[in-house]
Amino acid sequence: MLNAELQKYSLIGFRSAGMVEKIAQLEALAEDMKRRISELEDFGVVVKDLEYGLIDFPADRYGEKVLLCWRYGEPEVSFWHRESEGYNGRKLLKAQLIQP
């Protein structure tokens, strides 16, 4: 929302002190997001899609490397897929079959 407002005023060449402040806020938010994503990646989490809130976690299934899959809004991690399958290849997770 903030980005859309800034783009609208940039198109017409309008630049005020308030706009400069909003640009600084947007840049700070972007930097904070990058830092948080980096922290998640340090734990082995793979951020797949920010718009949908989609992340994967590496796991082992019967000796095969797979990815546990979670999407924002899901109450828990309930799906897995092979790396080559992606989100569309998600399968229901049976907790006893997966070892971290």
PDB file of N, CA and C in Angstrom:
ATOM      1  N   MET A   1       0.825  -1.179   0.000  1.00  0.00           N
ATOM      2  CA  MET A   1       0.000   0.000   0.000  1.00  0.00           C
ATOM      3  C   MET A   1       0.875   1.250   0.000  1.00  0.00           C
ATOM      4  N   LEU A   2       1.876   1.247   0.826  1.00  0.00           N
ATOM      5  CA  LEU A   2       2.797   2.373   0.878  1.00  0.00           C
ATOM      6  C   LEU A   2       3.529   2.505  -0.452  1.00  0.00           C
ATOM      7  N   ASN A   3       3.952   1.387  -1.018  1.00  0.00           N
ATOM      8  CA  ASN A   3       4.664   1.398  -2.286  1.00  0.00           C
ATOM      9  C   ASN A   3       3.772   1.953  -3.406  1.00  0.00           C
ATOM     10  N   ALA A   4       2.505   1.552  -3.450  1.00  0.00           N
ATOM     11  CA  ALA A   4       1.577   2.032  -4.480  1.00  0.00           C
ATOM     12  C   ALA A   4       1.394   3.548  -4.375  1.00  0.00           C
ATOM     13  N   GLU A   5       1.287   4.040  -3.167  1.00  0.00           N
ATOM     14  CA  GLU A   5       1.125   5.483  -2.968  1.00  0.00           C
ATOM     15  C   GLU A   5       2.359   6.239  -3.454  1.00  0.00           C
ATOM     16  N   LEU A   6       3.525   5.711  -3.149  1.00  0.00           N
ATOM     17  CA  LEU A   6       4.766   6.362  -3.576  1.00  0.00           C
ATOM     18  C   LEU A   6       4.890   6.354  -5.093  1.00  0.00           C
ATOM     19  N   GLN A   7       4.515   5.258  -5.727  1.00  0.00           N
ATOM     20  CA  GLN A   7       4.589   5.177  -7.185  1.00  0.00           C
ATOM     21  C   GLN A   7       3.645   6.186  -7.835  1.00  0.00           C
ATOM     22  N   LYS A   8       2.458   6.336  -7.285  1.00  0.00           N
ATOM     23  CA  LYS A   8       1.471   7.271  -7.832  1.00  0.00           C
ATOM     24  C   LYS A   8       2.036   8.695  -7.837  1.00  0.00           C
ATOM     25  N   TYR A   9       2.606   9.116  -6.719  1.00  0.00           N
ATOM     26  CA  TYR A   9       3.133  10.473  -6.639  1.00  0.00           C
ATOM     27  C   TYR A   9       4.425  10.634  -7.446  1.00  0.00           C
ATOM     28  N   SER A  10       5.195   9.593  -7.599  1.00  0.00           N
ATOM     29  CA  SER A  10       6.406   9.663  -8.404  1.00  0.00           C
ATOM     30  C   SER A  10       6.079   9.876  -9.874  1.00  0.00           C
ATOM     31  N   LEU A  11       4.991   9.268 -10.331  1.00  0.00           N
ATOM     32  CA  LEU A  11       4.586   9.398 -11.731  1.00  0.00           C
ATOM     33  C   LEU A  11       4.261  10.839 -12.110  1.00  0.00           C
ATOM     34  N   ILE A  12       3.724  11.579 -11.176  1.00  0.00           N
ATOM     35  CA  ILE A  12       3.374  12.968 -11.484  1.00  0.00           C
ATOM     36  C   ILE A  12       4.474  13.953 -11.063  1.00  0.00           C
ATOM     37  N   GLY A  13       5.586  13.429 -10.595  1.00  0.00           N
ATOM     38  CA  GLY A  13       6.720  14.270 -10.236  1.00  0.00           C
ATOM     39  C   GLY A  13       6.583  14.980  -8.907  1.00  0.00           C
ATOM     40  N   PHE A  14       5.652  14.540  -8.092  1.00  0.00           N
ATOM     41  CA  PHE A  14       5.415  15.166  -6.792  1.00  0.00           C
ATOM     42  C   PHE A  14       6.360  14.565  -5.760  1.00  0.00           C
ATOM     43  N   ARG A  15       7.063  15.416  -5.036  1.00  0.00           N
ATOM     44  CA  ARG A  15       7.994  14.943  -4.007  1.00  0.00           C
ATOM     45  C   ARG A  15       7.952  15.922  -2.839  1.00  0.00           C
ATOM     46  N   SER A  16       7.429  15.455  -1.725  1.00  0.00           N
ATOM     47  CA  SER A  16       7.325  16.306  -0.536  1.00  0.00           C
ATOM     48  C   SER A  16       8.170  15.713   0.577  1.00  0.00           C
ATOM     49  N   ALA A  17       8.263  16.450   1.671  1.00  0.00           N
ATOM     50  CA  ALA A  17       8.992  15.937   2.839  1.00  0.00           C
ATOM     51  C   ALA A  17       8.336  14.662   3.356  1.00  0.00           C
ATOM     52  N   GLY A  18       6.995  14.643   3.318  1.00  0.00           N
ATOM     53  CA  GLY A  18       6.275  13.443   3.749  1.00  0.00           C
ATOM     54  C   GLY A  18       6.580  12.250   2.866  1.00  0.00           C
ATOM     55  N   MET A  19       6.719  12.503   1.568  1.00  0.00           N
ATOM     56  CA  MET A  19       7.034  11.422   0.642  1.00  0.00           C
ATOM     57  C   MET A  19       8.444  10.889   0.890  1.00  0.00           C
ATOM     58  N   VAL A  20       9.376  11.773   1.142  1.00  0.00           N
ATOM     59  CA  VAL A  20      10.747  11.362   1.441  1.00  0.00           C
ATOM     60  C   VAL A  20      10.755  10.488   2.694  1.00  0.00           C
ATOM     61  N   GLU A  21       9.948  10.858   3.685  1.00  0.00           N
ATOM     62  CA  GLU A  21       9.854  10.071   4.916  1.00  0.00           C
ATOM     63  C   GLU A  21       9.257   8.681   4.627  1.00  0.00           C
ATOM     64  N   LYS A  22       8.242   8.635   3.772  1.00  0.00           N
ATOM     65  CA  LYS A  22       7.630   7.354   3.427  1.00  0.00           C
ATOM     66  C   LYS A  22       8.595   6.460   2.651  1.00  0.00           C
ATOM     67  N   ILE A  23       9.412   7.061   1.797  1.00  0.00           N
ATOM     68  CA  ILE A  23      10.429   6.293   1.075  1.00  0.00           C
ATOM     69  C   ILE A  23      11.407   5.676   2.068  1.00  0.00           C
ATOM     70  N   ALA A  24      11.807   6.442   3.055  1.00  0.00           N
ATOM     71  CA  ALA A  24      12.727   5.932   4.082  1.00  0.00           C
ATOM     72  C   ALA A  24      12.068   4.799   4.870  1.00  0.00           C
ATOM     73  N   GLN A  25      10.775   4.923   5.171  1.00  0.00           N
ATOM     74  CA  GLN A  25      10.049   3.861   5.884  1.00  0.00           C
ATOM     75  C   GLN A  25      10.007   2.586   5.043  1.00  0.00           C
ATOM     76  N   LEU A  26       9.718   2.746   3.760  1.00  0.00           N
ATOM     77  CA  LEU A  26       9.643   1.590   2.862  1.00  0.00           C
ATOM     78  C   LEU A  26      11.000   0.896   2.764  1.00  0.00           C
ATOM     79  N   GLU A  27      12.054   1.667   2.647  1.00  0.00           N
ATOM     80  CA  GLU A  27      13.402   1.092   2.583  1.00  0.00           C
ATOM     81  C   GLU A  27      13.746   0.365   3.876  1.00  0.00           C
ATOM     82  N   ALA A  28      13.365   0.930   5.025  1.00  0.00           N
ATOM     83  CA  ALA A  28      13.628   0.280   6.307  1.00  0.00           C
ATOM     84  C   ALA A  28      12.850  -1.022   6.417  1.00  0.00           C
ATOM     85  N   LEU A  29      11.595  -1.036   5.962  1.00  0.00           N
ATOM     86  CA  LEU A  29      10.790  -2.265   5.976  1.00  0.00           C
ATOM     87  C   LEU A  29      11.410  -3.340   5.082  1.00  0.00           C
ATOM     88  N   ALA A  30      11.887  -2.932   3.921  1.00  0.00           N
ATOM     89  CA  ALA A  30      12.507  -3.879   2.993  1.00  0.00           C
ATOM     90  C   ALA A  30      13.774  -4.478   3.604  1.00  0.00           C
ATOM     91  N   GLU A  31      14.583  -3.658   4.241  1.00  0.00           N
ATOM     92  CA  GLU A  31      15.812  -4.147   4.879  1.00  0.00           C
ATOM     93  C   GLU A  31      15.489  -5.098   6.025  1.00  0.00           C
ATOM     94  N   ASP A  32      14.467  -4.765   6.809  1.00  0.00           N
ATOM     95  CA  ASP A  32      14.056  -5.635   7.909  1.00  0.00           C
ATOM     96  C   ASP A  32      13.579  -6.987   7.370  1.00  0.00           C
ATOM     97  N   MET A  33      12.831  -6.954   6.285  1.00  0.00           N
ATOM     98  CA  MET A  33      12.352  -8.197   5.687  1.00  0.00           C
ATOM     99  C   MET A  33      13.522  -9.049   5.184  1.00  0.00           C
ATOM    100  N   LYS A  34      14.487  -8.423   4.538  1.00  0.00           N
ATOM    101  CA  LYS A  34      15.673  -9.155   4.057  1.00  0.00           C
ATOM    102  C   LYS A  34      16.409  -9.802   5.231  1.00  0.00           C
ATOM    103  N   ARG A  35      16.539  -9.069   6.328  1.00  0.00           N
ATOM    104  CA  ARG A  35      17.238  -9.595   7.506  1.00  0.00           C
ATOM    105  C   ARG A  35      16.500 -10.801   8.074  1.00  0.00           C
ATOM    106  N   ARG A  36      15.180 -10.700   8.165  1.00  0.00           N
ATOM    107  CA  ARG A  36      14.381 -11.799   8.714  1.00  0.00           C
ATOM    108  C   ARG A  36      14.408 -13.025   7.807  1.00  0.00           C
ATOM    109  N   ILE A  37      14.374 -12.810   6.511  1.00  0.00           N
ATOM    110  CA  ILE A  37      14.475 -13.930   5.568  1.00  0.00           C
ATOM    111  C   ILE A  37      15.831 -14.610   5.721  1.00  0.00           C
ATOM    112  N   SER A  38      16.873 -13.820   5.857  1.00  0.00           N
ATOM    113  CA  SER A  38      18.211 -14.372   6.045  1.00  0.00           C
ATOM    114  C   SER A  38      18.295 -15.215   7.329  1.00  0.00           C
ATOM    115  N   GLU A  39      17.644 -14.754   8.397  1.00  0.00           N
ATOM    116  CA  GLU A  39      17.611 -15.520   9.646  1.00  0.00           C
ATOM    117  C   GLU A  39      16.913 -16.861   9.441  1.00  0.00           C
ATOM    118  N   LEU A  40      15.799 -16.862   8.721  1.00  0.00           N
ATOM    119  CA  LEU A  40      15.095 -18.120   8.430  1.00  0.00           C
ATOM    120  C   LEU A  40      15.978 -19.054   7.614  1.00  0.00           C
ATOM    121  N   GLU A  41      16.649 -18.511   6.603  1.00  0.00           N
ATOM    122  CA  GLU A  41      17.514 -19.327   5.754  1.00  0.00           C
ATOM    123  C   GLU A  41      18.674 -19.923   6.538  1.00  0.00           C
ATOM    124  N   ASP A  42      19.144 -19.211   7.565  1.00  0.00           N
ATOM    125  CA  ASP A  42      20.205 -19.746   8.423  1.00  0.00           C
ATOM    126  C   ASP A  42      19.758 -21.013   9.154  1.00  0.00           C
ATOM    127  N   PHE A  43      18.450 -21.167   9.361  1.00  0.00           N
ATOM    128  CA  PHE A  43      17.894 -22.359   9.994  1.00  0.00           C
ATOM    129  C   PHE A  43      17.569 -23.451   8.976  1.00  0.00           C
ATOM    130  N   GLY A  44      17.821 -23.197   7.693  1.00  0.00           N
ATOM    131  CA  GLY A  44      17.545 -24.181   6.662  1.00  0.00           C
ATOM    132  C   GLY A  44      16.199 -24.014   5.994  1.00  0.00           C
ATOM    133  N   VAL A  45      15.434 -23.016   6.399  1.00  0.00           N
ATOM    134  CA  VAL A  45      14.134 -22.749   5.780  1.00  0.00           C
ATOM    135  C   VAL A  45      14.366 -22.129   4.404  1.00  0.00           C
ATOM    136  N   VAL A  46      13.576 -22.576   3.424  1.00  0.00           N
ATOM    137  CA  VAL A  46      13.664 -22.015   2.082  1.00  0.00           C
ATOM    138  C   VAL A  46      12.407 -21.171   1.844  1.00  0.00           C
ATOM    139  N   VAL A  47      12.585 -19.873   1.706  1.00  0.00           N
ATOM    140  CA  VAL A  47      11.463 -18.972   1.438  1.00  0.00           C
ATOM    141  C   VAL A  47      11.185 -19.051  -0.059  1.00  0.00           C
ATOM    142  N   LYS A  48      10.017 -19.619  -0.409  1.00  0.00           N
ATOM    143  CA  LYS A  48       9.683 -19.860  -1.810  1.00  0.00           C
ATOM    144  C   LYS A  48       8.893 -18.729  -2.443  1.00  0.00           C
ATOM    145  N   ASP A  49       7.946 -18.149  -1.719  1.00  0.00           N
ATOM    146  CA  ASP A  49       7.085 -17.120  -2.301  1.00  0.00           C
ATOM    147  C   ASP A  49       6.570 -16.215  -1.190  1.00  0.00           C
ATOM    148  N   LEU A  50       7.009 -14.975  -1.195  1.00  0.00           N
ATOM    149  CA  LEU A  50       6.595 -14.029  -0.150  1.00  0.00           C
ATOM    150  C   LEU A  50       5.132 -13.638  -0.292  1.00  0.00           C
ATOM    151  N   GLU A  51       4.647 -13.498  -1.516  1.00  0.00           N
ATOM    152  CA  GLU A  51       3.262 -13.078  -1.729  1.00  0.00           C
ATOM    153  C   GLU A  51       2.280 -14.074  -1.131  1.00  0.00           C
ATOM    154  N   TYR A  52       2.561 -15.372  -1.273  1.00  0.00           N
ATOM    155  CA  TYR A  52       1.680 -16.407  -0.745  1.00  0.00           C
ATOM    156  C   TYR A  52       2.122 -16.917   0.625  1.00  0.00           C
ATOM    157  N   GLY A  53       3.265 -16.448   1.109  1.00  0.00           N
ATOM    158  CA  GLY A  53       3.749 -16.897   2.415  1.00  0.00           C
ATOM    159  C   GLY A  53       4.144 -18.356   2.387  1.00  0.00           C
ATOM    160  N   LEU A  54       4.834 -18.769   1.344  1.00  0.00           N
ATOM    161  CA  LEU A  54       5.166 -20.171   1.131  1.00  0.00           C
ATOM    162  C   LEU A  54       6.629 -20.445   1.490  1.00  0.00           C
ATOM    163  N   ILE A  55       6.820 -21.425   2.404  1.00  0.00           N
ATOM    164  CA  ILE A  55       8.178 -21.820   2.794  1.00  0.00           C
ATOM    165  C   ILE A  55       8.300 -23.336   2.802  1.00  0.00           C
ATOM    166  N   ASP A  56       9.528 -23.805   2.597  1.00  0.00           N
ATOM    167  CA  ASP A  56       9.846 -25.229   2.624  1.00  0.00           C
ATOM    168  C   ASP A  56      10.922 -25.491   3.672  1.00  0.00           C
ATOM    169  N   PHE A  57      10.887 -26.712   4.230  1.00  0.00           N
ATOM    170  CA  PHE A  57      11.880 -27.156   5.202  1.00  0.00           C
ATOM    171  C   PHE A  57      12.472 -28.470   4.698  1.00  0.00           C
ATOM    172  N   PRO A  58      13.791 -28.596   4.611  1.00  0.00           N
ATOM    173  CA  PRO A  58      14.374 -29.870   4.197  1.00  0.00           C
ATOM    174  C   PRO A  58      14.085 -30.960   5.231  1.00  0.00           C
ATOM    175  N   ALA A  59      13.822 -32.174   4.741  1.00  0.00           N
ATOM    176  CA  ALA A  59      13.557 -33.313   5.627  1.00  0.00           C
ATOM    177  C   ALA A  59      13.978 -34.600   4.916  1.00  0.00           C
ATOM    178  N   ASP A  60      13.898 -35.698   5.639  1.00  0.00           N
ATOM    179  CA  ASP A  60      14.246 -37.006   5.111  1.00  0.00           C
ATOM    180  C   ASP A  60      13.030 -37.923   5.197  1.00  0.00           C
ATOM    181  N   ARG A  61      12.676 -38.573   4.092  1.00  0.00           N
ATOM    182  CA  ARG A  61      11.544 -39.506   4.053  1.00  0.00           C
ATOM    183  C   ARG A  61      12.060 -40.827   3.513  1.00  0.00           C
ATOM    184  N   TYR A  62      12.193 -41.816   4.387  1.00  0.00           N
ATOM    185  CA  TYR A  62      12.718 -43.140   3.998  1.00  0.00           C
ATOM    186  C   TYR A  62      14.045 -43.027   3.265  1.00  0.00           C
ATOM    187  N   GLY A  63      14.908 -42.134   3.725  1.00  0.00           N
ATOM    188  CA  GLY A  63      16.223 -41.959   3.119  1.00  0.00           C
ATOM    189  C   GLY A  63      16.224 -41.036   1.916  1.00  0.00           C
ATOM    190  N   GLU A  64      15.080 -40.538   1.520  1.00  0.00           N
ATOM    191  CA  GLU A  64      14.980 -39.625   0.381  1.00  0.00           C
ATOM    192  C   GLU A  64      14.871 -38.190   0.898  1.00  0.00           C
ATOM    193  N   LYS A  65      15.632 -37.295   0.306  1.00  0.00           N
ATOM    194  CA  LYS A  65      15.557 -35.879   0.679  1.00  0.00           C
ATOM    195  C   LYS A  65      14.276 -35.291   0.082  1.00  0.00           C
ATOM    196  N   VAL A  66      13.434 -34.735   0.953  1.00  0.00           N
ATOM    197  CA  VAL A  66      12.181 -34.105   0.535  1.00  0.00           C
ATOM    198  C   VAL A  66      12.065 -32.748   1.208  1.00  0.00           C
ATOM    199  N   LEU A  67      11.006 -32.039   0.896  1.00  0.00           N
ATOM    200  CA  LEU A  67      10.758 -30.744   1.511  1.00  0.00           C
ATOM    201  C   LEU A  67       9.399 -30.747   2.194  1.00  0.00           C
ATOM    202  N   LEU A  68       9.383 -30.368   3.466  1.00  0.00           N
ATOM    203  CA  LEU A  68       8.122 -30.107   4.142  1.00  0.00           C
ATOM    204  C   LEU A  68       7.657 -28.742   3.649  1.00  0.00           C
ATOM    205  N   CYS A  69       6.365 -28.583   3.473  1.00  0.00           N
ATOM    206  CA  CYS A  69       5.836 -27.388   2.830  1.00  0.00           C
ATOM    207  C   CYS A  69       4.769 -26.748   3.713  1.00  0.00           C
ATOM    208  N   TRP A  70       4.880 -25.445   3.923  1.00  0.00           N
ATOM    209  CA  TRP A  70       3.895 -24.712   4.720  1.00  0.00           C
ATOM    210  C   TRP A  70       3.550 -23.416   4.005  1.00  0.00           C
ATOM    211  N   ARG A  71       2.265 -23.069   4.045  1.00  0.00           N
ATOM    212  CA  ARG A  71       1.793 -21.818   3.463  1.00  0.00           C
ATOM    213  C   ARG A  71       1.106 -21.002   4.547  1.00  0.00           C
ATOM    214  N   TYR A  72       1.338 -19.701   4.522  1.00  0.00           N
ATOM    215  CA  TYR A  72       0.733 -18.799   5.496  1.00  0.00           C
ATOM    216  C   TYR A  72      -0.761 -19.080   5.599  1.00  0.00           C
ATOM    217  N   GLY A  73      -1.235 -19.189   6.835  1.00  0.00           N
ATOM    218  CA  GLY A  73      -2.641 -19.454   7.084  1.00  0.00           C
ATOM    219  C   GLY A  73      -2.929 -20.902   7.413  1.00  0.00           C
ATOM    220  N   GLU A  74      -2.025 -21.806   7.048  1.00  0.00           N
ATOM    221  CA  GLU A  74      -2.224 -23.216   7.401  1.00  0.00           C
ATOM    222  C   GLU A  74      -1.885 -23.375   8.882  1.00  0.00           C
ATOM    223  N   PRO A  75      -2.695 -24.117   9.636  1.00  0.00           N
ATOM    224  CA  PRO A  75      -2.483 -24.206  11.077  1.00  0.00           C
ATOM    225  C   PRO A  75      -1.199 -24.937  11.468  1.00  0.00           C
ATOM    226  N   GLU A  76      -0.694 -25.795  10.606  1.00  0.00           N
ATOM    227  CA  GLU A  76       0.548 -26.531  10.901  1.00  0.00           C
ATOM    228  C   GLU A  76       1.161 -27.019   9.595  1.00  0.00           C
ATOM    229  N   VAL A  77       2.379 -27.542   9.702  1.00  0.00           N
ATOM    230  CA  VAL A  77       3.041 -28.125   8.528  1.00  0.00           C
ATOM    231  C   VAL A  77       2.388 -29.478   8.269  1.00  0.00           C
ATOM    232  N   SER A  78       1.658 -29.587   7.168  1.00  0.00           N
ATOM    233  CA  SER A  78       0.875 -30.793   6.885  1.00  0.00           C
ATOM    234  C   SER A  78       1.169 -31.412   5.532  1.00  0.00           C
ATOM    235  N   PHE A  79       2.121 -30.851   4.784  1.00  0.00           N
ATOM    236  CA  PHE A  79       2.385 -31.336   3.435  1.00  0.00           C
ATOM    237  C   PHE A  79       3.880 -31.489   3.186  1.00  0.00           C
ATOM    238  N   TRP A  80       4.212 -32.318   2.203  1.00  0.00           N
ATOM    239  CA  TRP A  80       5.590 -32.498   1.760  1.00  0.00           C
ATOM    240  C   TRP A  80       5.567 -32.656   0.237  1.00  0.00           C
ATOM    241  N   HIS A  81       6.745 -32.468  -0.363  1.00  0.00           N
ATOM    242  CA  HIS A  81       6.906 -32.722  -1.800  1.00  0.00           C
ATOM    243  C   HIS A  81       8.381 -32.925  -2.106  1.00  0.00           C
ATOM    244  N   ARG A  82       8.631 -33.580  -3.216  1.00  0.00           N
ATOM    245  CA  ARG A  82      10.010 -33.707  -3.693  1.00  0.00           C
ATOM    246  C   ARG A  82      10.433 -32.360  -4.260  1.00  0.00           C
ATOM    247  N   GLU A  83      11.733 -32.106  -4.256  1.00  0.00           N
ATOM    248  CA  GLU A  83      12.229 -30.820  -4.728  1.00  0.00           C
ATOM    249  C   GLU A  83      11.793 -30.549  -6.163  1.00  0.00           C
ATOM    250  N   SER A  84      11.774 -31.569  -6.994  1.00  0.00           N
ATOM    251  CA  SER A  84      11.418 -31.397  -8.403  1.00  0.00           C
ATOM    252  C   SER A  84       9.924 -31.160  -8.620  1.00  0.00           C
ATOM    253  N   GLU A  85       9.101 -31.433  -7.618  1.00  0.00           N
ATOM    254  CA  GLU A  85       7.647 -31.322  -7.776  1.00  0.00           C
ATOM    255  C   GLU A  85       7.096 -29.941  -7.438  1.00  0.00           C
ATOM    256  N   GLY A  86       7.658 -29.291  -6.463  1.00  0.00           N
ATOM    257  CA  GLY A  86       7.169 -27.974  -6.080  1.00  0.00           C
ATOM    258  C   GLY A  86       5.799 -28.015  -5.417  1.00  0.00           C
ATOM    259  N   TYR A  87       5.224 -26.838  -5.269  1.00  0.00           N
ATOM    260  CA  TYR A  87       3.966 -26.667  -4.535  1.00  0.00           C
ATOM    261  C   TYR A  87       2.844 -27.523  -5.110  1.00  0.00           C
ATOM    262  N   ASN A  88       2.743 -27.614  -6.412  1.00  0.00           N
ATOM    263  CA  ASN A  88       1.665 -28.388  -7.039  1.00  0.00           C
ATOM    264  C   ASN A  88       1.775 -29.885  -6.774  1.00  0.00           C
ATOM    265  N   GLY A  89       2.930 -30.339  -6.346  1.00  0.00           N
ATOM    266  CA  GLY A  89       3.124 -31.754  -6.049  1.00  0.00           C
ATOM    267  C   GLY A  89       2.982 -32.093  -4.574  1.00  0.00           C
ATOM    268  N   ARG A  90       2.403 -31.183  -3.794  1.00  0.00           N
ATOM    269  CA  ARG A  90       2.277 -31.412  -2.352  1.00  0.00           C
ATOM    270  C   ARG A  90       1.447 -32.652  -2.053  1.00  0.00           C
ATOM    271  N   LYS A  91       1.916 -33.387  -1.044  1.00  0.00           N
ATOM    272  CA  LYS A  91       1.219 -34.581  -0.567  1.00  0.00           C
ATOM    273  C   LYS A  91       0.992 -34.429   0.932  1.00  0.00           C
ATOM    274  N   LEU A  92      -0.083 -35.030   1.419  1.00  0.00           N
ATOM    275  CA  LEU A  92      -0.396 -34.959   2.839  1.00  0.00           C
ATOM    276  C   LEU A  92       0.711 -35.622   3.655  1.00  0.00           C
ATOM    277  N   LEU A  93       1.134 -34.969   4.694  1.00  0.00           N
ATOM    278  CA  LEU A  93       2.198 -35.440   5.562  1.00  0.00           C
ATOM    279  C   LEU A  93       1.651 -36.376   6.623  1.00  0.00           C
ATOM    280  N   LYS A  94       2.314 -37.507   6.785  1.00  0.00           N
ATOM    281  CA  LYS A  94       2.038 -38.404   7.904  1.00  0.00           C
ATOM    282  C   LYS A  94       3.265 -38.300   8.801  1.00  0.00           C
ATOM    283  N   ALA A  95       3.109 -37.657   9.936  1.00  0.00           N
ATOM    284  CA  ALA A  95       4.232 -37.275  10.797  1.00  0.00           C
ATOM    285  C   ALA A  95       5.183 -38.424  11.091  1.00  0.00           C
ATOM    286  N   GLN A  96       4.689 -39.640  11.213  1.00  0.00           N
ATOM    287  CA  GLN A  96       5.574 -40.740  11.574  1.00  0.00           C
ATOM    288  C   GLN A  96       6.511 -41.125  10.414  1.00  0.00           C
ATOM    289  N   LEU A  97       6.283 -40.617   9.212  1.00  0.00           N
ATOM    290  CA  LEU A  97       7.113 -40.975   8.067  1.00  0.00           C
ATOM    291  C   LEU A  97       8.256 -39.995   7.839  1.00  0.00           C
ATOM    292  N   ILE A  98       8.266 -38.881   8.521  1.00  0.00           N
ATOM    293  CA  ILE A  98       9.249 -37.824   8.281  1.00  0.00           C
ATOM    294  C   ILE A  98      10.142 -37.652   9.508  1.00  0.00           C
ATOM    295  N   GLN A  99      11.432 -37.544   9.229  1.00  0.00           N
ATOM    296  CA  GLN A  99      12.380 -37.253  10.288  1.00  0.00           C
ATOM    297  C   GLN A  99      13.121 -35.984   9.917  1.00  0.00           C
ATOM    298  N   PRO A 100      13.250 -35.023  10.831  1.00  0.00           N
ATOM    299  CA  PRO A 100      13.961 -33.779  10.510  1.00  0.00           C
ATOM    300  C   PRO A 100      15.442 -34.025  10.277  1.00  0.00           C
TER     301      PRO A 100
END
